[in-house]
Amino acid sequence: MKKIIKVLLLVAGAFIVSCESNTYNEISVTATNPTYTTNVEPVIKANCVSCHSVGGTYPTLTTYAQVKASTSTGNLICRIDQTCGAVMPPNGAMSKQTVDMIKLWKQQGFVN
C-alpha cells in the first residue's frame, strides 16, 4: 500500500513540475486590428519590461510612446524577428504570430 501511495505521489509530482504557465507570447495573438492596450502591451509586459524598465541599462519600454518610438525606428521589430543584433527576448524568440501581430500594429498606424 505504501508503494502505491509513493508511486501516486511521484506521478502527481511529475505532473505538477511539468506544468508551466503560458505567457502572452504562447497565447493566440491573432488580431486583424491589433491595438497597443489589448494586444501589444501585454506582450511587451510579459517579454520585455523585466530588462527594459526605468533605471535599467536598456531603452525603457514601459509606455505606449516608448514602445511606439522603438517600433517606429525598426529596432524593436528587427530584434524580435531576429534580423539584427541580439534576439529579444534573451530567453527565446517570440512566436512568428506575435511578431507578425506587432508588425501589423505598426502598419495600421500604432492604434492605442
N, C-alpha and C. Protein backbone atom coordinates (compact mmCIF):
# COMPACT_ATOMS: atom_id res chain seq x y z
N MET A 1 0.82 -1.19 0.00
CA MET A 1 0.00 0.00 0.00
C MET A 1 0.87 1.26 0.00
N LYS A 2 1.96 1.24 0.79
CA LYS A 2 2.86 2.40 0.85
C LYS A 2 3.52 2.63 -0.50
N LYS A 3 3.84 1.54 -1.22
CA LYS A 3 4.47 1.68 -2.54
C LYS A 3 3.51 2.35 -3.51
N ILE A 4 2.24 2.00 -3.45
CA ILE A 4 1.24 2.59 -4.34
C ILE A 4 1.12 4.08 -4.06
N ILE A 5 1.09 4.44 -2.79
CA ILE A 5 0.99 5.86 -2.43
C ILE A 5 2.22 6.61 -2.90
N LYS A 6 3.40 6.03 -2.74
CA LYS A 6 4.63 6.68 -3.19
C LYS A 6 4.62 6.86 -4.71
N VAL A 7 4.17 5.85 -5.43
CA VAL A 7 4.10 5.94 -6.88
C VAL A 7 3.11 7.03 -7.30
N LEU A 8 1.96 7.07 -6.65
CA LEU A 8 0.96 8.09 -6.98
C LEU A 8 1.50 9.49 -6.68
N LEU A 9 2.19 9.65 -5.57
CA LEU A 9 2.78 10.95 -5.25
C LEU A 9 3.85 11.33 -6.26
N LEU A 10 4.64 10.36 -6.67
CA LEU A 10 5.67 10.61 -7.67
C LEU A 10 5.06 11.04 -9.00
N VAL A 11 4.01 10.35 -9.42
CA VAL A 11 3.33 10.70 -10.67
C VAL A 11 2.69 12.08 -10.56
N ALA A 12 2.03 12.34 -9.43
CA ALA A 12 1.40 13.66 -9.23
C ALA A 12 2.46 14.75 -9.23
N GLY A 13 3.58 14.49 -8.59
CA GLY A 13 4.67 15.47 -8.57
C GLY A 13 5.21 15.75 -9.96
N ALA A 14 5.30 14.70 -10.77
CA ALA A 14 5.79 14.87 -12.14
C ALA A 14 4.84 15.75 -12.94
N PHE A 15 3.55 15.58 -12.74
CA PHE A 15 2.59 16.42 -13.45
C PHE A 15 2.70 17.88 -13.01
N ILE A 16 2.87 18.08 -11.71
CA ILE A 16 2.97 19.45 -11.21
C ILE A 16 4.22 20.13 -11.74
N VAL A 17 5.33 19.43 -11.74
CA VAL A 17 6.58 20.00 -12.23
C VAL A 17 6.54 20.25 -13.73
N SER A 18 5.83 19.40 -14.46
CA SER A 18 5.79 19.56 -15.91
C SER A 18 4.87 20.67 -16.36
N CYS A 19 4.00 21.12 -15.48
CA CYS A 19 3.08 22.21 -15.83
C CYS A 19 3.83 23.53 -15.81
N GLU A 20 3.47 24.39 -16.71
CA GLU A 20 4.05 25.71 -16.73
C GLU A 20 2.98 26.69 -17.15
N SER A 21 3.13 27.92 -16.70
CA SER A 21 2.14 28.92 -17.07
C SER A 21 2.40 29.39 -18.49
N ASN A 22 1.37 29.79 -19.16
CA ASN A 22 1.51 30.33 -20.52
C ASN A 22 1.78 31.82 -20.43
N THR A 23 2.74 32.27 -21.19
CA THR A 23 2.95 33.70 -21.29
C THR A 23 2.05 34.20 -22.41
N TYR A 24 1.91 35.49 -22.51
CA TYR A 24 1.08 36.04 -23.58
C TYR A 24 1.62 35.63 -24.94
N ASN A 25 2.93 35.43 -24.99
CA ASN A 25 3.56 35.02 -26.24
C ASN A 25 3.02 33.68 -26.74
N GLU A 26 2.65 32.79 -25.83
CA GLU A 26 2.18 31.47 -26.21
C GLU A 26 0.68 31.43 -26.46
N ILE A 27 -0.01 32.44 -26.02
CA ILE A 27 -1.45 32.51 -26.20
C ILE A 27 -1.72 33.07 -27.59
N SER A 28 -2.81 32.64 -28.18
CA SER A 28 -3.13 33.12 -29.52
C SER A 28 -3.19 34.64 -29.54
N VAL A 29 -2.42 35.25 -30.40
CA VAL A 29 -2.41 36.70 -30.50
C VAL A 29 -2.85 37.14 -31.90
N THR A 30 -3.63 36.32 -32.55
CA THR A 30 -4.11 36.72 -33.86
C THR A 30 -5.07 37.88 -33.68
N ALA A 31 -4.85 38.90 -34.41
CA ALA A 31 -5.71 40.08 -34.35
C ALA A 31 -5.66 40.74 -35.71
N THR A 32 -6.83 41.05 -36.24
CA THR A 32 -6.87 41.71 -37.53
C THR A 32 -6.65 43.21 -37.38
N ASN A 33 -6.97 43.75 -36.22
CA ASN A 33 -6.79 45.16 -35.92
C ASN A 33 -6.18 45.30 -34.53
N PRO A 34 -4.91 44.96 -34.38
CA PRO A 34 -4.31 44.99 -33.05
C PRO A 34 -4.19 46.41 -32.51
N THR A 35 -4.37 46.51 -31.21
CA THR A 35 -4.17 47.79 -30.52
C THR A 35 -3.07 47.61 -29.49
N TYR A 36 -2.51 48.73 -29.08
CA TYR A 36 -1.45 48.67 -28.09
C TYR A 36 -1.99 48.07 -26.78
N THR A 37 -3.07 48.63 -26.29
CA THR A 37 -3.60 48.22 -24.98
C THR A 37 -4.03 46.76 -24.95
N THR A 38 -4.71 46.31 -25.98
CA THR A 38 -5.26 44.96 -25.98
C THR A 38 -4.24 43.91 -26.38
N ASN A 39 -3.40 44.19 -27.36
CA ASN A 39 -2.54 43.16 -27.94
C ASN A 39 -1.05 43.35 -27.69
N VAL A 40 -0.54 44.54 -27.91
CA VAL A 40 0.91 44.76 -27.86
C VAL A 40 1.40 44.90 -26.42
N GLU A 41 0.74 45.72 -25.63
CA GLU A 41 1.20 45.96 -24.26
C GLU A 41 1.35 44.67 -23.44
N PRO A 42 0.39 43.74 -23.48
CA PRO A 42 0.59 42.50 -22.71
C PRO A 42 1.82 41.70 -23.15
N VAL A 43 2.13 41.72 -24.43
CA VAL A 43 3.32 41.02 -24.94
C VAL A 43 4.58 41.71 -24.43
N ILE A 44 4.61 43.03 -24.49
CA ILE A 44 5.77 43.79 -24.03
C ILE A 44 5.97 43.57 -22.53
N LYS A 45 4.89 43.64 -21.77
CA LYS A 45 4.99 43.43 -20.32
C LYS A 45 5.50 42.02 -20.00
N ALA A 46 5.02 41.03 -20.72
CA ALA A 46 5.40 39.65 -20.44
C ALA A 46 6.81 39.32 -20.88
N ASN A 47 7.32 40.02 -21.90
CA ASN A 47 8.59 39.64 -22.50
C ASN A 47 9.72 40.67 -22.41
N CYS A 48 9.40 41.92 -22.13
CA CYS A 48 10.42 42.96 -22.28
C CYS A 48 10.72 43.79 -21.03
N VAL A 49 9.70 44.13 -20.27
CA VAL A 49 9.91 45.12 -19.21
C VAL A 49 10.79 44.64 -18.06
N SER A 50 11.04 43.35 -17.97
CA SER A 50 11.93 42.91 -16.90
C SER A 50 13.34 43.49 -17.11
N CYS A 51 13.72 43.73 -18.34
CA CYS A 51 15.02 44.35 -18.64
C CYS A 51 14.88 45.80 -19.10
N HIS A 52 13.79 46.10 -19.78
CA HIS A 52 13.59 47.42 -20.38
C HIS A 52 12.64 48.26 -19.53
N SER A 53 13.07 48.59 -18.31
CA SER A 53 12.25 49.40 -17.42
C SER A 53 13.05 50.60 -16.94
N VAL A 54 12.39 51.50 -16.25
CA VAL A 54 13.02 52.73 -15.77
C VAL A 54 14.22 52.38 -14.89
N GLY A 55 15.32 53.04 -15.16
CA GLY A 55 16.52 52.83 -14.37
C GLY A 55 17.41 51.70 -14.87
N GLY A 56 16.95 50.98 -15.88
CA GLY A 56 17.74 49.89 -16.44
C GLY A 56 18.80 50.41 -17.39
N THR A 57 19.64 49.51 -17.85
CA THR A 57 20.68 49.91 -18.79
C THR A 57 20.22 49.85 -20.23
N TYR A 58 19.04 49.34 -20.45
CA TYR A 58 18.50 49.22 -21.81
C TYR A 58 17.40 50.24 -22.02
N PRO A 59 17.06 50.55 -23.26
CA PRO A 59 15.98 51.50 -23.51
C PRO A 59 14.68 51.06 -22.81
N THR A 60 14.00 52.03 -22.25
CA THR A 60 12.77 51.75 -21.50
C THR A 60 11.60 51.51 -22.45
N LEU A 61 10.84 50.45 -22.16
CA LEU A 61 9.66 50.10 -22.96
C LEU A 61 8.45 49.93 -22.05
N THR A 62 8.18 50.93 -21.23
CA THR A 62 7.08 50.80 -20.28
C THR A 62 5.85 51.63 -20.63
N THR A 63 5.95 52.48 -21.65
CA THR A 63 4.79 53.29 -22.04
C THR A 63 4.49 53.10 -23.53
N TYR A 64 3.30 53.49 -23.88
CA TYR A 64 2.89 53.45 -25.29
C TYR A 64 3.87 54.23 -26.16
N ALA A 65 4.22 55.45 -25.72
CA ALA A 65 5.11 56.31 -26.52
C ALA A 65 6.48 55.66 -26.72
N GLN A 66 7.01 55.02 -25.69
CA GLN A 66 8.33 54.39 -25.79
C GLN A 66 8.30 53.18 -26.73
N VAL A 67 7.26 52.37 -26.63
CA VAL A 67 7.14 51.20 -27.50
C VAL A 67 6.92 51.64 -28.94
N LYS A 68 6.08 52.64 -29.12
CA LYS A 68 5.82 53.17 -30.46
C LYS A 68 7.11 53.70 -31.07
N ALA A 69 7.88 54.47 -30.31
CA ALA A 69 9.12 55.05 -30.82
C ALA A 69 10.11 53.95 -31.21
N SER A 70 10.26 52.94 -30.38
CA SER A 70 11.20 51.86 -30.67
C SER A 70 10.73 51.03 -31.87
N THR A 71 9.44 50.90 -32.01
CA THR A 71 8.89 50.16 -33.16
C THR A 71 9.01 51.00 -34.43
N SER A 72 8.79 52.29 -34.31
CA SER A 72 8.89 53.19 -35.47
C SER A 72 10.29 53.17 -36.08
N THR A 73 11.31 53.15 -35.24
CA THR A 73 12.69 53.15 -35.74
C THR A 73 13.07 51.80 -36.35
N GLY A 74 12.29 50.79 -36.05
CA GLY A 74 12.57 49.46 -36.57
C GLY A 74 13.41 48.62 -35.63
N ASN A 75 13.95 49.23 -34.57
CA ASN A 75 14.82 48.50 -33.66
C ASN A 75 14.09 47.38 -32.93
N LEU A 76 12.91 47.65 -32.42
CA LEU A 76 12.17 46.63 -31.69
C LEU A 76 11.83 45.46 -32.62
N ILE A 77 11.32 45.76 -33.78
CA ILE A 77 10.92 44.69 -34.70
C ILE A 77 12.12 43.88 -35.18
N CYS A 78 13.20 44.53 -35.54
CA CYS A 78 14.35 43.75 -36.03
C CYS A 78 14.93 42.87 -34.93
N ARG A 79 14.80 43.26 -33.66
CA ARG A 79 15.28 42.42 -32.56
C ARG A 79 14.37 41.22 -32.35
N ILE A 80 13.05 41.44 -32.39
CA ILE A 80 12.14 40.32 -32.12
C ILE A 80 11.96 39.40 -33.31
N ASP A 81 12.25 39.89 -34.53
CA ASP A 81 12.14 38.98 -35.68
C ASP A 81 13.50 38.44 -36.13
N GLN A 82 14.52 38.69 -35.30
CA GLN A 82 15.84 38.10 -35.47
C GLN A 82 16.57 38.54 -36.74
N THR A 83 16.39 39.79 -37.16
CA THR A 83 17.06 40.27 -38.36
C THR A 83 18.21 41.24 -38.06
N CYS A 84 18.42 41.57 -36.77
CA CYS A 84 19.55 42.42 -36.40
C CYS A 84 19.90 42.19 -34.94
N GLY A 85 21.14 42.39 -34.62
CA GLY A 85 21.58 42.35 -33.23
C GLY A 85 21.17 41.09 -32.48
N ALA A 86 21.18 41.22 -31.17
CA ALA A 86 20.81 40.10 -30.30
C ALA A 86 19.30 39.86 -30.36
N VAL A 87 18.92 38.60 -30.40
CA VAL A 87 17.50 38.25 -30.43
C VAL A 87 16.87 38.61 -29.09
N MET A 88 15.73 39.24 -29.17
CA MET A 88 14.99 39.60 -27.97
C MET A 88 13.65 38.88 -27.99
N PRO A 89 13.18 38.46 -26.86
CA PRO A 89 13.83 38.49 -25.56
C PRO A 89 14.95 37.46 -25.47
N PRO A 90 15.89 37.65 -24.56
CA PRO A 90 17.04 36.76 -24.48
C PRO A 90 16.71 35.32 -24.09
N ASN A 91 15.56 35.12 -23.48
CA ASN A 91 15.20 33.76 -23.08
C ASN A 91 14.56 32.95 -24.20
N GLY A 92 14.50 33.51 -25.41
CA GLY A 92 13.96 32.79 -26.55
C GLY A 92 13.11 33.68 -27.43
N ALA A 93 13.17 33.40 -28.70
CA ALA A 93 12.45 34.24 -29.67
C ALA A 93 10.94 34.16 -29.48
N MET A 94 10.28 35.24 -29.80
CA MET A 94 8.81 35.27 -29.79
C MET A 94 8.31 34.48 -30.98
N SER A 95 7.08 34.04 -30.89
CA SER A 95 6.49 33.29 -31.99
C SER A 95 6.33 34.20 -33.21
N LYS A 96 6.32 33.61 -34.37
CA LYS A 96 6.11 34.37 -35.62
C LYS A 96 4.77 35.09 -35.56
N GLN A 97 3.79 34.44 -34.98
CA GLN A 97 2.45 35.02 -34.87
C GLN A 97 2.50 36.32 -34.05
N THR A 98 3.26 36.32 -32.97
CA THR A 98 3.38 37.52 -32.13
C THR A 98 4.12 38.62 -32.87
N VAL A 99 5.22 38.28 -33.52
CA VAL A 99 5.99 39.26 -34.27
C VAL A 99 5.14 39.86 -35.39
N ASP A 100 4.40 39.01 -36.09
CA ASP A 100 3.54 39.50 -37.18
C ASP A 100 2.46 40.43 -36.64
N MET A 101 1.93 40.14 -35.45
CA MET A 101 0.90 40.99 -34.86
C MET A 101 1.48 42.38 -34.55
N ILE A 102 2.72 42.43 -34.04
CA ILE A 102 3.34 43.72 -33.73
C ILE A 102 3.65 44.48 -35.03
N LYS A 103 4.08 43.78 -36.05
CA LYS A 103 4.30 44.42 -37.35
C LYS A 103 3.00 44.99 -37.90
N LEU A 104 1.91 44.24 -37.75
CA LEU A 104 0.61 44.71 -38.23
C LEU A 104 0.17 45.95 -37.44
N TRP A 105 0.44 45.96 -36.14
CA TRP A 105 0.12 47.12 -35.31
C TRP A 105 0.83 48.36 -35.87
N LYS A 106 2.08 48.20 -36.26
CA LYS A 106 2.84 49.31 -36.86
C LYS A 106 2.23 49.72 -38.20
N GLN A 107 1.96 48.74 -39.05
CA GLN A 107 1.42 49.02 -40.38
C GLN A 107 0.08 49.74 -40.30
N GLN A 108 -0.70 49.44 -39.26
CA GLN A 108 -2.03 50.06 -39.14
C GLN A 108 -2.01 51.37 -38.35
N GLY A 109 -0.83 51.88 -38.09
CA GLY A 109 -0.74 53.22 -37.52
C GLY A 109 -0.65 53.30 -36.00
N PHE A 110 -0.20 52.26 -35.35
CA PHE A 110 0.05 52.27 -33.90
C PHE A 110 -1.20 52.62 -33.09
N VAL A 111 -2.31 51.97 -33.38
CA VAL A 111 -3.56 52.24 -32.67
C VAL A 111 -3.37 51.92 -31.18
N ASN A 112 -3.79 52.87 -30.36
CA ASN A 112 -3.64 52.70 -28.91
C ASN A 112 -4.82 51.95 -28.38
